[in-house]
Amino acid sequence: MKIIKPALAGTLESSDAQVSVEPSTDGLEVSIESSVMNQYGRQIKATVMETLGRLDVTSGRITVIDKGALDGTLKARVECAVMRSESTSEAGIPWGGAIR
């Protein structure tokens, strides 16, 4: 999948995450801010990178603001933001089909 336009998914509520994506020509740039970065930063980054890998995203600027979201929530937010970016949601999303 390719990030075509800026898109956003999620909220800044407790136990959620806000993921924004935008196109970039500099490869994949991932920025993560988290209230639990010291405890779970490596796991958060691994989950985001794994999800981007499964979606075949190779370039774009990804920003994650985490407020203590679980892995499943992070995966869903990343998947949703990427699909919104390429307007897949307008054509019907096969939810859960790309992420296992």
C-alpha atoms as a PDB file:
ATOM      1  CA  MET A   1       0.000   0.000   0.000  1.00  0.00           C
ATOM      2  CA  LYS A   2       1.099   3.531  -0.655  1.00  0.00           C
ATOM      3  CA  ILE A   3       0.464   6.600   1.474  1.00  0.00           C
ATOM      4  CA  ILE A   4      -1.110   9.012  -0.993  1.00  0.00           C
ATOM      5  CA  LYS A   5      -2.527  11.799   1.190  1.00  0.00           C
ATOM      6  CA  PRO A   6      -2.420  12.805   4.873  1.00  0.00           C
ATOM      7  CA  ALA A   7      -4.759  10.795   7.091  1.00  0.00           C
ATOM      8  CA  LEU A   8      -5.512  10.355  10.791  1.00  0.00           C
ATOM      9  CA  ALA A   9      -6.958   7.586  12.962  1.00  0.00           C
ATOM     10  CA  GLY A  10      -7.590   7.352  16.683  1.00  0.00           C
ATOM     11  CA  THR A  11      -7.930   9.757  19.589  1.00  0.00           C
ATOM     12  CA  LEU A  12      -5.839  11.171  22.395  1.00  0.00           C
ATOM     13  CA  GLU A  13      -8.002   9.529  25.051  1.00  0.00           C
ATOM     14  CA  SER A  14      -6.506   7.263  27.695  1.00  0.00           C
ATOM     15  CA  SER A  15      -5.790   3.716  26.428  1.00  0.00           C
ATOM     16  CA  ASP A  16      -5.911   4.826  22.791  1.00  0.00           C
ATOM     17  CA  ALA A  17      -3.449   6.087  20.197  1.00  0.00           C
ATOM     18  CA  GLN A  18      -3.601   8.699  17.467  1.00  0.00           C
ATOM     19  CA  VAL A  19      -1.802   7.737  14.270  1.00  0.00           C
ATOM     20  CA  SER A  20      -1.204  10.202  11.460  1.00  0.00           C
ATOM     21  CA  VAL A  21       0.337   9.363   8.109  1.00  0.00           C
ATOM     22  CA  GLU A  22       1.490  11.547   5.249  1.00  0.00           C
ATOM     23  CA  PRO A  23       3.435  10.997   2.048  1.00  0.00           C
ATOM     24  CA  SER A  24       7.214  11.308   2.055  1.00  0.00           C
ATOM     25  CA  THR A  25       9.940  10.758  -0.494  1.00  0.00           C
ATOM     26  CA  ASP A  26      12.548  10.074   2.205  1.00  0.00           C
ATOM     27  CA  GLY A  27      11.593   6.465   2.853  1.00  0.00           C
ATOM     28  CA  LEU A  28       9.829   5.456   6.046  1.00  0.00           C
ATOM     29  CA  GLU A  29      10.005   7.939   8.934  1.00  0.00           C
ATOM     30  CA  VAL A  30       8.366   6.805  12.178  1.00  0.00           C
ATOM     31  CA  SER A  31       7.955   9.087  15.170  1.00  0.00           C
ATOM     32  CA  ILE A  32       6.502   7.727  18.423  1.00  0.00           C
ATOM     33  CA  GLU A  33       5.479   9.679  21.494  1.00  0.00           C
ATOM     34  CA  SER A  34       4.069   7.703  24.409  1.00  0.00           C
ATOM     35  CA  SER A  35       3.150   8.180  28.035  1.00  0.00           C
ATOM     36  CA  VAL A  36       4.647   4.721  28.642  1.00  0.00           C
ATOM     37  CA  MET A  37       7.701   5.022  26.360  1.00  0.00           C
ATOM     38  CA  ASN A  38      10.185   4.017  29.081  1.00  0.00           C
ATOM     39  CA  GLN A  39       8.336   0.785  29.829  1.00  0.00           C
ATOM     40  CA  TYR A  40       6.939  -0.245  26.422  1.00  0.00           C
ATOM     41  CA  GLY A  41       8.666   1.877  23.763  1.00  0.00           C
ATOM     42  CA  ARG A  42      10.379  -1.053  22.037  1.00  0.00           C
ATOM     43  CA  GLN A  43       7.146  -3.061  21.891  1.00  0.00           C
ATOM     44  CA  ILE A  44       5.174  -0.090  20.549  1.00  0.00           C
ATOM     45  CA  LYS A  45       7.729   0.500  17.786  1.00  0.00           C
ATOM     46  CA  ALA A  46       7.849  -3.216  16.942  1.00  0.00           C
ATOM     47  CA  THR A  47       4.057  -3.367  16.652  1.00  0.00           C
ATOM     48  CA  VAL A  48       3.899  -0.270  14.434  1.00  0.00           C
ATOM     49  CA  MET A  49       6.742  -1.480  12.188  1.00  0.00           C
ATOM     50  CA  GLU A  50       5.276  -4.994  11.912  1.00  0.00           C
ATOM     51  CA  THR A  51       1.896  -3.560  10.916  1.00  0.00           C
ATOM     52  CA  LEU A  52       3.449  -1.260   8.317  1.00  0.00           C
ATOM     53  CA  GLY A  53       5.399  -4.237   6.982  1.00  0.00           C
ATOM     54  CA  ARG A  54       2.292  -6.375   6.618  1.00  0.00           C
ATOM     55  CA  LEU A  55       0.626  -3.518   4.757  1.00  0.00           C
ATOM     56  CA  ASP A  56       3.700  -3.216   2.487  1.00  0.00           C
ATOM     57  CA  VAL A  57       4.205   0.454   3.361  1.00  0.00           C
ATOM     58  CA  THR A  58       7.742   1.407   2.351  1.00  0.00           C
ATOM     59  CA  SER A  59       7.623   5.199   2.428  1.00  0.00           C
ATOM     60  CA  GLY A  60       5.798   7.854   4.382  1.00  0.00           C
ATOM     61  CA  ARG A  61       5.915   9.881   7.562  1.00  0.00           C
ATOM     62  CA  ILE A  62       4.126   8.072  10.415  1.00  0.00           C
ATOM     63  CA  THR A  63       3.456   9.800  13.731  1.00  0.00           C
ATOM     64  CA  VAL A  64       2.099   7.852  16.685  1.00  0.00           C
ATOM     65  CA  ILE A  65       0.917   9.542  19.865  1.00  0.00           C
ATOM     66  CA  ASP A  66       0.226   6.708  22.282  1.00  0.00           C
ATOM     67  CA  LYS A  67      -1.758   7.033  25.488  1.00  0.00           C
ATOM     68  CA  GLY A  68      -1.332   3.462  26.697  1.00  0.00           C
ATOM     69  CA  ALA A  69      -3.001   1.586  23.830  1.00  0.00           C
ATOM     70  CA  LEU A  70      -2.799  -2.191  23.623  1.00  0.00           C
ATOM     71  CA  ASP A  71      -1.140  -3.870  20.630  1.00  0.00           C
ATOM     72  CA  GLY A  72      -4.461  -4.619  18.935  1.00  0.00           C
ATOM     73  CA  THR A  73      -5.478  -0.977  19.154  1.00  0.00           C
ATOM     74  CA  LEU A  74      -2.142   0.166  17.715  1.00  0.00           C
ATOM     75  CA  LYS A  75      -2.490  -2.271  14.811  1.00  0.00           C
ATOM     76  CA  ALA A  76      -6.038  -1.105  14.092  1.00  0.00           C
ATOM     77  CA  ARG A  77      -5.090   2.585  14.208  1.00  0.00           C
ATOM     78  CA  VAL A  78      -2.112   2.140  11.871  1.00  0.00           C
ATOM     79  CA  GLU A  79      -4.157   0.015   9.455  1.00  0.00           C
ATOM     80  CA  CYS A  80      -7.017   2.523   9.448  1.00  0.00           C
ATOM     81  CA  ALA A  81      -4.779   5.561   8.889  1.00  0.00           C
ATOM     82  CA  VAL A  82      -2.972   3.890   5.971  1.00  0.00           C
ATOM     83  CA  MET A  83      -6.224   2.767   4.350  1.00  0.00           C
ATOM     84  CA  ARG A  84      -7.746   6.229   4.782  1.00  0.00           C
ATOM     85  CA  SER A  85      -4.647   7.683   3.152  1.00  0.00           C
ATOM     86  CA  GLU A  86      -5.204   5.765  -0.034  1.00  0.00           C
ATOM     87  CA  SER A  87      -9.007   6.166   0.138  1.00  0.00           C
ATOM     88  CA  THR A  88      -9.539   2.431   0.517  1.00  0.00           C
ATOM     89  CA  SER A  89     -12.338   3.163   2.985  1.00  0.00           C
ATOM     90  CA  GLU A  90     -14.421   4.625   0.175  1.00  0.00           C
ATOM     91  CA  ALA A  91     -14.336   1.319  -1.700  1.00  0.00           C
ATOM     92  CA  GLY A  92     -15.048  -0.966   1.268  1.00  0.00           C
ATOM     93  CA  ILE A  93     -12.376  -2.127   3.655  1.00  0.00           C
ATOM     94  CA  PRO A  94     -11.707  -5.836   4.249  1.00  0.00           C
ATOM     95  CA  TRP A  95     -11.212  -5.189   7.984  1.00  0.00           C
ATOM     96  CA  GLY A  96      -8.735  -7.541   9.512  1.00  0.00           C
ATOM     97  CA  GLY A  97      -7.808  -9.008   6.153  1.00  0.00           C
ATOM     98  CA  ALA A  98      -4.375  -7.405   5.939  1.00  0.00           C
ATOM     99  CA  ILE A  99      -3.431  -7.705   9.596  1.00  0.00           C
ATOM    100  CA  ARG A 100      -3.168 -11.064  11.322  1.00  0.00           C
END
